[in-house]
Protein backbone atom coordinates (compact mmCIF):
# COMPACT_ATOMS: atom_id res chain seq x y z
CA UNK A 1 6.29 17.77 11.41
CA UNK A 2 7.00 14.59 13.96
CA UNK A 3 10.04 12.48 13.89
CA UNK A 4 9.39 9.09 12.84
CA UNK A 5 8.73 6.85 15.38
CA UNK A 6 11.47 3.74 13.59
CA UNK A 7 11.20 1.12 16.27
CA UNK A 8 7.26 1.49 16.34
CA UNK A 9 7.30 1.21 12.48
CA UNK A 10 9.96 -1.39 12.33
CA UNK A 11 8.12 -3.50 14.91
CA UNK A 12 4.68 -3.17 13.36
CA UNK A 13 6.55 -4.90 9.93
CA UNK A 14 7.71 -7.50 11.10
CA UNK A 15 4.84 -8.60 13.33
CA UNK A 16 2.94 -9.17 10.37
CA UNK A 17 6.08 -10.16 8.33
CA UNK A 18 5.97 -8.30 5.69
CA UNK A 19 9.53 -8.31 5.09
CA UNK A 20 9.64 -5.90 1.60
CA UNK A 21 8.48 -3.42 3.68
CA UNK A 22 10.42 -4.11 6.21
CA UNK A 23 13.30 -4.23 3.88
CA UNK A 24 12.42 -0.80 2.98
CA UNK A 25 12.10 0.87 6.25
CA UNK A 26 15.89 -0.49 7.57
CA UNK A 27 16.78 0.67 3.85
CA UNK A 28 15.68 4.33 4.88
CA UNK A 29 16.51 4.07 8.79
CA UNK A 30 20.15 3.26 7.18
CA UNK A 31 19.70 6.48 5.11
CA UNK A 32 18.43 8.03 7.97
CA UNK A 33 21.80 7.36 10.08
CA UNK A 34 24.27 8.61 7.08
CA UNK A 35 21.72 12.31 7.61
CA UNK A 36 21.57 12.88 11.46
CA UNK A 37 25.27 14.42 13.27
CA UNK A 38 24.81 11.69 16.06
CA UNK A 39 24.03 7.91 17.07
CA UNK A 40 19.84 8.38 17.87
CA UNK A 41 19.26 5.92 20.95
CA UNK A 42 16.37 4.54 18.86
CA UNK A 43 19.32 1.97 16.82
CA UNK A 44 19.44 -0.32 19.54
CA UNK A 45 16.05 -0.96 20.04
CA UNK A 46 15.43 -1.02 15.63
CA UNK A 47 18.39 -3.61 15.93
CA UNK A 48 16.99 -6.06 18.22
CA UNK A 49 13.75 -5.76 16.47
CA UNK A 50 15.59 -6.98 13.71
CA UNK A 51 17.39 -9.29 15.13
CA UNK A 52 14.74 -10.89 16.75
CA UNK A 53 12.70 -11.35 13.74
CA UNK A 54 15.84 -12.81 12.09
CA UNK A 55 16.27 -9.87 9.48
CA UNK A 56 20.06 -10.73 9.25
CA UNK A 57 20.95 -8.24 6.18
CA UNK A 58 18.44 -6.22 7.00
CA UNK A 59 20.16 -6.00 10.65
CA UNK A 60 23.77 -5.61 8.53
CA UNK A 61 22.62 -2.56 6.67
CA UNK A 62 21.51 -0.87 9.64
CA UNK A 63 24.37 -1.57 11.99
CA UNK A 64 27.07 -1.04 9.34
CA UNK A 65 25.14 2.44 8.99
CA UNK A 66 25.60 3.01 12.64
CA UNK A 67 29.30 2.31 13.19
CA UNK A 68 29.24 4.94 10.70
CA UNK A 69 29.09 7.23 13.44
CA UNK A 70 32.13 5.83 14.71
CA UNK A 71 33.16 2.26 15.48
CA UNK A 72 33.04 2.63 19.33
CA UNK A 73 29.31 1.47 19.70
CA UNK A 74 29.63 -1.58 21.58
CA UNK A 75 26.48 -2.81 21.33
CA UNK A 76 25.78 -1.66 17.96
CA UNK A 77 29.35 -4.18 16.67
CA UNK A 78 27.75 -6.81 19.70
CA UNK A 79 24.55 -7.00 17.65
CA UNK A 80 26.41 -6.90 14.29
CA UNK A 81 28.15 -10.07 15.33
CA UNK A 82 25.25 -11.71 16.28
CA UNK A 83 23.93 -11.01 12.84
CA UNK A 84 27.16 -12.56 11.19
CA UNK A 85 26.92 -15.46 13.90
CA UNK A 86 23.20 -16.55 12.51
CA UNK A 87 24.10 -15.54 8.85
CA UNK A 88 26.31 -18.10 9.50
CA UNK A 89 29.51 -15.73 8.77
CA UNK A 90 31.52 -17.17 12.24
CA UNK A 91 35.00 -16.17 10.98
CA UNK A 92 34.24 -12.65 10.55
CA UNK A 93 32.00 -12.64 13.74
CA UNK A 94 34.42 -14.04 15.42
CA UNK A 95 36.71 -11.31 14.90
CA UNK A 96 34.31 -8.34 15.79
CA UNK A 97 33.65 -9.77 19.26
CA UNK A 98 38.48 -10.55 19.98
CA UNK A 99 38.36 -6.98 19.53
CA UNK A 100 34.88 -6.15 21.51
CA UNK A 101 36.31 -8.21 24.50
CA UNK A 102 39.69 -6.37 24.09
CA UNK A 103 37.94 -2.87 24.04
CA UNK A 104 39.23 -1.79 27.59
CA UNK A 105 37.38 1.51 26.95
CA UNK A 106 34.06 -0.41 26.16
CA UNK A 107 31.29 -1.49 29.22
CA UNK A 108 32.48 -3.96 31.24
CA UNK A 109 28.98 -5.92 30.29
CA UNK A 110 29.74 -5.43 26.84
CA UNK A 111 33.17 -6.87 27.37
CA UNK A 112 32.15 -10.33 29.13
CA UNK A 113 29.26 -10.43 26.66
CA UNK A 114 31.93 -10.53 23.93
CA UNK A 115 33.31 -13.20 25.71
CA UNK A 116 30.42 -15.55 25.44
CA UNK A 117 30.00 -14.52 21.81
CA UNK A 118 33.71 -15.96 21.49
CA UNK A 119 31.70 -19.26 22.43
CA UNK A 120 29.20 -19.10 20.18
CA UNK A 121 31.22 -18.86 17.89
CA UNK A 122 33.68 -21.69 18.34
CA UNK A 123 30.89 -23.52 19.08
CA UNK A 124 29.27 -23.34 15.53
CA UNK A 125 32.41 -24.10 14.45
CA UNK A 126 32.58 -27.02 16.28
CA UNK A 127 28.97 -28.48 14.86
CA UNK A 128 29.95 -27.66 11.34
CA UNK A 129 32.89 -29.22 11.43
CA UNK A 130 34.14 -32.83 10.66
CA UNK A 131 37.78 -32.85 10.76
CA UNK A 132 38.85 -34.59 14.32
CA UNK A 133 41.29 -32.53 15.43
CA UNK A 134 39.70 -29.12 14.50
CA UNK A 135 36.61 -30.24 16.24
CA UNK A 136 38.57 -31.06 19.64
CA UNK A 137 40.26 -27.46 19.39
CA UNK A 138 36.88 -25.39 18.41
CA UNK A 139 35.51 -27.35 21.59
CA UNK A 140 38.34 -26.77 23.42
CA UNK A 141 38.05 -22.93 22.58
CA UNK A 142 34.13 -22.73 22.79
CA UNK A 143 34.17 -24.16 26.30
CA UNK A 144 37.43 -21.57 27.93
CA UNK A 145 35.34 -18.84 26.26
CA UNK A 146 32.19 -19.84 27.93
CA UNK A 147 33.85 -20.79 31.36
CA UNK A 148 35.91 -17.00 31.77
CA UNK A 149 32.46 -15.20 30.98
CA UNK A 150 30.94 -17.31 33.39
CA UNK A 151 33.54 -17.23 36.12
CA UNK A 152 33.40 -12.79 35.61
CA UNK A 153 30.24 -13.16 38.01
CA UNK A 154 28.70 -17.04 38.94
CA UNK A 155 25.70 -15.19 40.26
CA UNK A 156 24.91 -13.06 37.04
CA UNK A 157 26.30 -15.00 33.76
CA UNK A 158 25.11 -18.40 34.34
CA UNK A 159 23.73 -18.31 30.57
CA UNK A 160 27.08 -18.62 29.77
CA UNK A 161 27.57 -21.12 32.78
CA UNK A 162 25.29 -23.86 31.26
CA UNK A 163 26.88 -23.35 27.72
CA UNK A 164 29.92 -24.95 29.07
CA UNK A 165 28.16 -27.47 30.78
CA UNK A 166 27.05 -28.44 27.66
CA UNK A 167 29.88 -28.41 25.65
CA UNK A 168 31.12 -30.78 28.64
CA UNK A 169 28.21 -33.04 28.37
CA UNK A 170 29.24 -33.24 24.68
CA UNK A 171 32.77 -34.19 24.63
CA UNK A 172 31.82 -36.65 27.07
CA UNK A 173 29.05 -38.42 24.56
CA UNK A 174 31.70 -37.79 21.63
CA UNK A 175 34.91 -39.17 23.72
CA UNK A 176 36.85 -35.80 22.88
CA UNK A 177 39.56 -35.26 25.35
CA UNK A 178 39.44 -32.00 27.32
CA UNK A 179 42.65 -30.40 28.51
CA UNK A 180 43.00 -31.65 32.51
CA UNK A 181 41.61 -29.63 35.33
CA UNK A 182 37.93 -29.26 33.33
CA UNK A 183 35.02 -29.18 35.26
CA UNK A 184 32.88 -31.75 35.45
CA UNK A 185 29.49 -31.33 33.67
CA UNK A 186 27.34 -32.41 36.59
CA UNK A 187 28.73 -30.62 39.30
CA UNK A 188 29.00 -27.67 37.27
CA UNK A 189 24.83 -27.97 36.49
CA UNK A 190 24.28 -28.49 40.12
CA UNK A 191 26.05 -24.98 40.91
CA UNK A 192 24.52 -23.51 38.07
CA UNK A 193 20.95 -24.54 39.30
CA UNK A 194 21.35 -23.51 42.81
CA UNK A 195 22.33 -20.45 41.48
CA UNK A 196 19.24 -19.85 39.48
CA UNK A 197 17.01 -21.47 42.05
CA UNK A 198 17.82 -18.76 44.75
CA UNK A 199 17.95 -15.85 42.55
CA UNK A 200 15.49 -12.88 42.95
CA UNK A 201 13.47 -12.94 39.89
CA UNK A 202 12.65 -15.99 37.51
CA UNK A 203 13.03 -14.31 33.44
CA UNK A 204 12.82 -16.39 29.99
CA UNK A 205 16.80 -17.29 30.80
CA UNK A 206 17.12 -18.57 33.69
CA UNK A 207 14.37 -21.11 32.83
CA UNK A 208 15.88 -22.37 30.20
CA UNK A 209 19.34 -22.43 32.06
CA UNK A 210 17.13 -24.77 34.83
CA UNK A 211 16.02 -26.79 32.00
CA UNK A 212 19.47 -27.75 30.59
CA UNK A 213 20.79 -28.44 33.80
CA UNK A 214 17.85 -31.10 34.90
CA UNK A 215 18.95 -32.73 31.55
CA UNK A 216 22.73 -32.58 32.67
CA UNK A 217 21.72 -34.24 35.84
CA UNK A 218 19.58 -36.23 34.48
CA UNK A 219 16.05 -35.38 35.92
CA UNK A 220 13.98 -35.38 33.21
CA UNK A 221 10.76 -34.55 34.72
CA UNK A 222 12.27 -31.54 36.10
CA UNK A 223 13.56 -30.25 33.15
CA UNK A 224 10.01 -30.92 30.87
CA UNK A 225 8.21 -29.19 34.32
CA UNK A 226 11.51 -26.05 33.78
CA UNK A 227 10.81 -25.96 30.04
CA UNK A 228 6.80 -25.42 31.30
CA UNK A 229 8.15 -22.83 33.38
CA UNK A 230 10.06 -21.16 30.23
CA UNK A 231 6.65 -20.78 28.13
CA UNK A 232 4.94 -19.74 31.13
CA UNK A 233 6.93 -16.20 30.60
CA UNK A 234 6.28 -16.11 26.46
CA UNK A 235 9.27 -16.05 25.36
CA UNK A 236 9.48 -14.32 21.30
CA UNK A 237 9.45 -17.14 18.58
CA UNK A 238 13.05 -16.19 18.06
CA UNK A 239 13.98 -17.15 21.79
CA UNK A 240 12.27 -20.70 21.80
CA UNK A 241 13.29 -21.34 18.00
CA UNK A 242 16.75 -21.10 19.98
CA UNK A 243 16.06 -23.14 22.67
CA UNK A 244 15.04 -25.63 20.51
CA UNK A 245 18.30 -25.45 18.43
CA UNK A 246 20.35 -25.91 21.45
CA UNK A 247 18.62 -28.64 22.92
CA UNK A 248 18.79 -30.71 19.29
CA UNK A 249 22.40 -29.64 17.74
CA UNK A 250 24.30 -29.76 21.15
CA UNK A 251 22.18 -31.97 23.56
CA UNK A 252 21.50 -34.37 20.25
CA UNK A 253 17.86 -34.71 22.04
CA UNK A 254 14.90 -36.25 19.18
CA UNK A 255 11.86 -37.81 19.75
CA UNK A 256 12.77 -41.57 20.25
CA UNK A 257 14.38 -41.20 23.97
CA UNK A 258 14.34 -39.88 27.30
CA UNK A 259 14.04 -36.35 28.33
CA UNK A 260 13.76 -35.22 24.33
CA UNK A 261 10.94 -38.03 23.80
CA UNK A 262 9.55 -35.22 26.32
CA UNK A 263 10.45 -32.32 25.96
CA UNK A 264 10.89 -31.38 22.46
CA UNK A 265 6.97 -31.67 21.39
CA UNK A 266 6.20 -29.83 24.57
CA UNK A 267 7.94 -26.51 22.90
CA UNK A 268 7.22 -27.30 19.23
CA UNK A 269 4.08 -26.97 20.57
CA UNK A 270 4.43 -23.53 22.39
CA UNK A 271 6.21 -22.95 19.13
CA UNK A 272 3.16 -23.57 16.32
CA UNK A 273 1.70 -20.54 19.35
CA UNK A 274 3.65 -17.99 18.78
CA UNK A 275 2.89 -15.70 16.60
CA UNK A 276 5.11 -17.04 13.15
CA UNK A 277 5.99 -20.16 14.69
CA UNK A 278 7.59 -22.85 12.67
CA UNK A 279 8.49 -26.49 13.52
CA UNK A 280 10.04 -29.12 11.30
CA UNK A 281 9.41 -32.71 12.20
CA UNK A 282 11.31 -36.07 10.80
CA UNK A 283 9.14 -38.59 10.20
CA UNK A 284 9.99 -40.68 13.24
CA UNK A 285 8.12 -37.91 14.92
CA UNK A 286 4.77 -39.24 13.66
CA UNK A 287 5.48 -43.29 13.82
CA UNK A 288 1.64 -44.51 14.33
CA UNK A 289 2.66 -46.35 17.24
CA UNK A 290 4.06 -43.09 18.55
CA UNK A 291 0.89 -41.16 17.85
CA UNK A 292 -1.57 -43.73 19.15
CA UNK A 293 0.33 -44.05 22.39
CA UNK A 294 -1.78 -41.59 25.30
CA UNK A 295 0.75 -38.86 25.82
CA UNK A 296 2.98 -39.35 28.58
CA UNK A 297 1.36 -42.76 29.94
CA UNK A 298 -1.06 -39.63 31.93
CA UNK A 299 2.34 -38.66 33.55
CA UNK A 300 3.00 -35.60 31.42
CA UNK A 301 -0.83 -34.23 32.41
CA UNK A 302 0.13 -34.26 35.85
CA UNK A 303 4.00 -32.60 35.17
CA UNK A 304 2.24 -29.81 32.46
CA UNK A 305 -1.32 -29.27 34.11
CA UNK A 306 -4.19 -29.17 32.01
CA UNK A 307 -4.23 -26.33 29.71
CA UNK A 308 -0.42 -27.21 28.24
CA UNK A 309 -1.63 -30.54 27.84
CA UNK A 310 -3.87 -29.80 25.81
CA UNK A 311 -1.86 -27.34 23.74
CA UNK A 312 0.40 -30.66 23.32
CA UNK A 313 -2.59 -32.65 22.35
CA UNK A 314 -2.94 -30.15 19.54
CA UNK A 315 0.67 -30.48 17.87
CA UNK A 316 0.00 -34.23 18.30
CA UNK A 317 -3.21 -33.61 15.75
CA UNK A 318 -0.99 -31.63 13.87
CA UNK A 319 1.62 -34.32 13.45
CA UNK A 320 -1.87 -36.91 12.98
CA UNK A 321 -2.62 -34.39 9.64
CA UNK A 322 1.37 -34.94 8.16
CA UNK A 323 0.25 -38.65 7.91
CA UNK A 324 -1.85 -37.46 5.64
CA UNK A 325 0.53 -35.26 3.47
CA UNK A 326 2.60 -36.28 0.35
CA UNK A 327 5.29 -35.45 -1.79
CA UNK A 328 4.22 -35.54 -5.56
CA UNK A 329 7.67 -36.61 -7.25
CA UNK A 330 9.28 -38.12 -10.18
CA UNK A 331 10.80 -42.25 -10.60
CA UNK A 332 14.38 -40.84 -9.24
CA UNK A 333 12.16 -39.23 -6.08
CA UNK A 334 12.96 -35.49 -7.17
CA UNK A 335 10.19 -33.68 -5.19
CA UNK A 336 7.71 -31.90 -7.57
CA UNK A 337 4.70 -30.30 -5.41
CA UNK A 338 3.17 -31.22 -2.74
CA UNK A 339 -0.48 -33.52 -2.38
CA UNK A 340 -2.50 -34.59 0.56
CA UNK A 341 -4.91 -36.92 1.49
CA UNK A 342 -9.16 -36.17 1.29
CA UNK A 343 -12.27 -38.45 1.86
CA UNK A 344 -13.61 -37.68 -1.80
CA UNK A 345 -17.45 -37.77 -0.94
CA UNK A 346 -16.71 -34.86 1.48
CA UNK A 347 -15.71 -32.87 -1.86
CA UNK A 348 -17.92 -34.45 -4.13
CA UNK A 349 -20.39 -37.82 -4.61
CA UNK A 350 -18.98 -38.57 -7.46
CA UNK A 351 -15.75 -38.65 -6.60
CA UNK A 352 -14.61 -41.72 -4.98
CA UNK A 353 -13.58 -42.89 -1.41
CA UNK A 354 -10.63 -41.42 -0.90
CA UNK A 355 -9.04 -39.01 -3.65
CA UNK A 356 -4.92 -36.91 -3.32
CA UNK A 357 -5.42 -33.14 -3.79
CA UNK A 358 -2.69 -31.65 -5.04
CA UNK A 359 -2.29 -28.14 -7.89
CA UNK A 360 -3.05 -28.28 -11.31
CA UNK A 361 0.73 -26.85 -11.79
CA UNK A 362 1.93 -29.47 -10.39
CA UNK A 363 -0.15 -32.20 -11.87
CA UNK A 364 -0.60 -32.63 -14.87
CA UNK A 365 1.47 -28.96 -15.76
CA UNK A 366 4.83 -29.81 -14.56
CA UNK A 367 4.72 -33.42 -13.90
CA UNK A 368 2.61 -36.41 -16.19
CA UNK A 369 -0.14 -38.03 -14.03
CA UNK A 370 1.30 -41.17 -16.01
CA UNK A 371 5.23 -40.49 -14.51
CA UNK A 372 3.78 -38.96 -10.77
CA UNK A 373 4.66 -41.13 -7.69
CA UNK A 374 3.37 -39.89 -4.25
CA UNK A 375 5.44 -40.67 -1.06
CA UNK A 376 3.58 -40.47 1.89
CA UNK A 377 7.33 -39.42 3.98
CA UNK A 378 4.82 -39.61 7.38
CA UNK A 379 4.89 -43.54 6.61
CA UNK A 380 8.75 -44.06 6.13
CA UNK A 381 9.25 -45.06 9.93
CA UNK A 382 6.40 -47.42 9.76
CA UNK A 383 7.49 -50.78 9.49
CA UNK A 384 5.79 -53.10 7.10
CA UNK A 385 3.11 -49.74 5.93
CA UNK A 386 3.48 -49.37 2.07
CA UNK A 387 3.89 -45.51 1.68
CA UNK A 388 4.26 -45.00 -2.01
CA UNK A 389 1.98 -44.92 -5.13
CA UNK A 390 1.40 -45.02 -8.76
CA UNK A 391 -1.71 -42.12 -10.01
CA UNK A 392 -4.25 -44.45 -11.37
CA UNK A 393 -6.69 -41.71 -12.64
CA UNK A 394 -7.21 -38.49 -12.89
CA UNK A 395 -10.67 -37.10 -11.91
CA UNK A 396 -10.43 -33.32 -12.11
CA UNK A 397 -8.48 -30.44 -13.66
CA UNK A 398 -8.15 -26.89 -12.78
CA UNK A 399 -5.55 -25.31 -14.54
CA UNK A 400 -3.17 -22.14 -13.00
CA UNK A 401 -3.76 -19.83 -16.05
CA UNK A 402 -6.59 -17.15 -16.23
CA UNK A 403 -7.11 -17.01 -12.67
CA UNK A 404 -8.18 -20.63 -12.89
CA UNK A 405 -8.82 -22.81 -9.32
CA UNK A 406 -5.45 -24.86 -10.25
CA UNK A 407 -6.88 -28.13 -8.51
CA UNK A 408 -5.92 -31.42 -9.28
CA UNK A 409 -7.92 -34.36 -7.99
CA UNK A 410 -6.14 -37.82 -8.65
CA UNK A 411 -6.87 -41.79 -7.30
CA UNK A 412 -3.68 -44.04 -6.63
CA UNK A 413 -3.45 -47.11 -7.59
CA UNK A 414 -3.25 -47.83 -3.66
CA UNK A 415 -4.07 -46.14 -0.46
CA UNK A 416 -1.49 -45.99 2.81
CA UNK A 417 -3.13 -48.27 5.98
CA UNK A 418 -4.26 -46.35 9.64
CA UNK A 419 -4.10 -42.83 7.96
CA UNK A 420 -7.01 -40.36 8.32
CA UNK A 421 -7.56 -38.21 5.08
CA UNK A 422 -7.76 -34.39 6.22
CA UNK A 423 -10.85 -33.67 7.31
CA UNK A 424 -12.93 -30.35 6.30
CA UNK A 425 -14.01 -27.51 7.85
CA UNK A 426 -17.81 -25.96 8.09
CA UNK A 427 -16.58 -22.65 6.78
CA UNK A 428 -13.83 -20.07 7.12
CA UNK A 429 -13.17 -18.43 10.26
CA UNK A 430 -15.39 -15.77 10.73
CA UNK A 431 -14.34 -11.88 10.98
CA UNK A 432 -12.71 -9.94 12.33
CA UNK A 433 -9.47 -11.97 11.14
CA UNK A 434 -7.21 -10.39 14.18
CA UNK A 435 -5.31 -12.98 15.21
CA UNK A 436 -6.70 -15.49 12.96
CA UNK A 437 -4.07 -17.67 11.69
CA UNK A 438 -3.17 -20.61 9.73
CA UNK A 439 -1.56 -23.56 9.16
CA UNK A 440 0.37 -24.72 6.12
CA UNK A 441 1.84 -28.32 5.98
CA UNK A 442 4.04 -29.46 3.42
CA UNK A 443 7.93 -30.34 2.45
CA UNK A 444 10.52 -27.96 3.69
CA UNK A 445 12.12 -27.22 0.16
CA UNK A 446 15.52 -28.92 -0.77
CA UNK A 447 15.20 -31.57 2.29
CA UNK A 448 17.17 -34.47 1.87
CA UNK A 449 15.41 -36.16 4.46
CA UNK A 450 11.26 -36.62 4.51
CA UNK A 451 10.51 -33.74 7.40
CA UNK A 452 7.59 -31.74 7.35
CA UNK A 453 7.30 -27.76 8.12
CA UNK A 454 3.95 -26.68 10.18
CA UNK A 455 4.04 -22.86 9.55
CA UNK A 456 1.98 -20.49 11.11
CA UNK A 457 0.87 -17.74 9.65
CA UNK A 458 -1.38 -14.78 10.20
CA UNK A 459 -4.82 -14.48 8.14
CA UNK A 460 -5.05 -11.51 6.22
CA UNK A 461 -8.17 -12.40 4.20
CA UNK A 462 -10.20 -14.04 2.15
CA UNK A 463 -13.38 -13.81 -0.61
CA UNK A 464 -15.02 -16.67 -2.43
CA UNK A 465 -12.02 -17.94 -4.44
CA UNK A 466 -8.99 -17.31 -2.56
CA UNK A 467 -6.99 -17.00 1.13
CA UNK A 468 -4.34 -14.87 1.76
CA UNK A 469 -2.02 -15.35 4.47
CA UNK A 470 1.44 -14.22 5.31
CA UNK A 471 4.42 -16.21 6.92
CA UNK A 472 7.45 -15.80 8.78
CA UNK A 473 9.20 -17.30 6.42
CA UNK A 474 9.57 -17.27 2.24
CA UNK A 475 8.50 -20.12 -0.11
CA UNK A 476 5.24 -22.56 0.60
CA UNK A 477 5.19 -25.85 -0.96
CA UNK A 478 2.60 -25.85 -4.14
CA UNK A 479 -0.92 -28.34 -2.98
CA UNK A 480 0.03 -28.27 0.69
CA UNK A 481 -3.14 -28.29 2.60
CA UNK A 482 -4.07 -24.99 4.60
CA UNK A 483 -5.55 -25.64 7.91
CA UNK A 484 -7.40 -23.26 10.74
CA UNK A 485 -6.34 -23.59 13.79
CA UNK A 486 -8.10 -27.10 14.69
CA UNK A 487 -6.55 -28.74 11.93
CA UNK A 488 -9.43 -28.53 9.62
CA UNK A 489 -8.69 -28.58 5.78
CA UNK A 490 -9.56 -24.37 4.36
CA UNK A 491 -7.67 -23.85 1.58
CA UNK A 492 -5.13 -25.35 -1.27
CA UNK A 493 -2.23 -23.74 -1.12
CA UNK A 494 -1.02 -22.22 -4.53
CA UNK A 495 0.96 -18.92 -5.34
CA UNK A 496 2.49 -16.30 -2.91
CA UNK A 497 4.27 -13.26 -3.79
CA UNK A 498 5.33 -10.16 -2.76
CA UNK A 499 3.27 -7.95 -5.04
CA UNK A 500 -0.28 -9.57 -4.55
CA UNK A 501 -3.47 -7.68 -4.82
CA UNK A 502 -5.50 -6.98 -1.65
CA UNK A 503 -9.32 -8.57 -1.71
CA UNK A 504 -12.33 -7.07 -1.39
CA UNK A 505 -11.73 -3.81 -3.00
CA UNK A 506 -9.71 -2.66 -0.29
CA UNK A 507 -6.80 -2.03 -2.95
CA UNK A 508 -2.96 -2.09 -3.45
CA UNK A 509 -0.55 -5.05 -3.40
CA UNK A 510 1.08 -5.98 -0.43
CA UNK A 511 3.27 -9.40 0.03
CA UNK A 512 1.20 -12.18 0.58
CA UNK A 513 0.78 -16.44 0.63
CA UNK A 514 -2.24 -17.34 -1.40
CA UNK A 515 -4.55 -20.83 -1.00
CA UNK A 516 -7.68 -21.29 -3.25
CA UNK A 517 -10.53 -21.86 -0.59
CA UNK A 518 -12.13 -25.07 0.01
CA UNK A 519 -15.27 -23.48 -0.77
CA UNK A 520 -13.66 -22.33 -4.15
CA UNK A 521 -13.04 -26.30 -5.29
CA UNK A 522 -16.53 -27.29 -3.93
CA UNK A 523 -18.44 -24.97 -6.41
CA UNK A 524 -16.27 -25.76 -8.94
CA UNK A 525 -16.91 -29.74 -9.14
CA UNK A 526 -20.40 -28.33 -8.37
CA UNK A 527 -20.77 -25.92 -11.72
CA UNK A 528 -18.39 -29.11 -13.77
CA UNK A 529 -18.76 -32.35 -11.73
CA UNK A 530 -15.44 -34.93 -11.74
CA UNK A 531 -14.77 -37.23 -14.76
CA UNK A 532 -12.91 -40.37 -14.21
CA UNK A 533 -9.51 -40.30 -16.94
CA UNK A 534 -8.03 -43.54 -16.99
CA UNK A 535 -3.88 -42.81 -17.25
């Protein structure tokens, strides 16, 4: 029997977001590590896949088994510490990084990277802390660690240097007093930008570094150009998401001012085009005046080129679809599910001009129609526009039990202005389904602010009644619209699980989300036409 290719198996499960299979593989690989006399070369590649997939529990399991061979594996210790940071265990991670940085037996490169890890731990503590004196200490210690790593070799460790720049700029914005002799953000950014521009090989991290340096120098058009150059390196989803978080949390960019107004949509559109991309946007991103304007007044097309500009326009269409999505909630704003606006005659000629579609298990099974409030949070930043309505009539309901269509169609007592109802696709994407995607728009669970999550999913299969798709993150909002890659409606999200029976007599089960196809809903309406049921 030939030996198993653990990295290939782990990568295959991660690439299709089959988290139960990945968890099983991680457990089996940890058992394998306890059964072999020496640490195999494959462990670093397995840990890297788990880190890029953000499967921190599995990463910690494998790293712990690897360290049982001896605590002198620096790369394993570093991956373990990274997993702890990303899962929020900052103090424990800081201890690991500190020990690794002080370990004279570890390779010099690992010790320097550990100093960068110390900087990141303190940076995350600074972002989490609200007490002024502790925030200042955390920022100062983070800055000290990043500068120490950068100064080890300023031609190589520019990534640590640009993190120092971001903290210097943040301290200036927040009015935080730094130790005397601290460098100036602009001067350091200028040095770093010259270094990366003279590098013989440009890669993902040199472009990220150049983009942040351009922001620090106030050269915003150049920052967008560098963001585009970063995207052209075809970065992993993990890398794009990490960069976006840095821009939003540390640089505090948003879409109301430059350069965030240009740069964040460019990066978000790229993230949604990467397998498994997920973007969360606030209602301020969906303002009618913002979406009505030409993107960048034509300036962005000149900066980005035609292809990326088209991708940005595609992303903007997704934002417009968010405006037609509503949260189904109680009178005291407790979210129960999601619904979305559709032109009624697109579903059946007897329906009124505009209707809201949601799941039957949301309304009426969980919430009586008379008690339901429908809130279009995408309009919250449009002054003077009403975004909250009550249900006036229930036109159609199919229960969730016994493989029902789990669909309810509602008429409201009013509708928002300037909102385009969700267009319907002419049919499901043709087979074969390799590289086919589905996009789900819903409200992130537990969100305190009105936000929308645009989620890229792998389309697995479909039949006449349901479609199956797999997401990189668990969960999903019941009643959310499921769209094709042109933002046209193909389904109504209603369920998901780890043991969903496969379709078309394939046999077995898999982890999948499930939506009711729009064709099935149309067929159900044709078989049992809608009837007006006043409340």
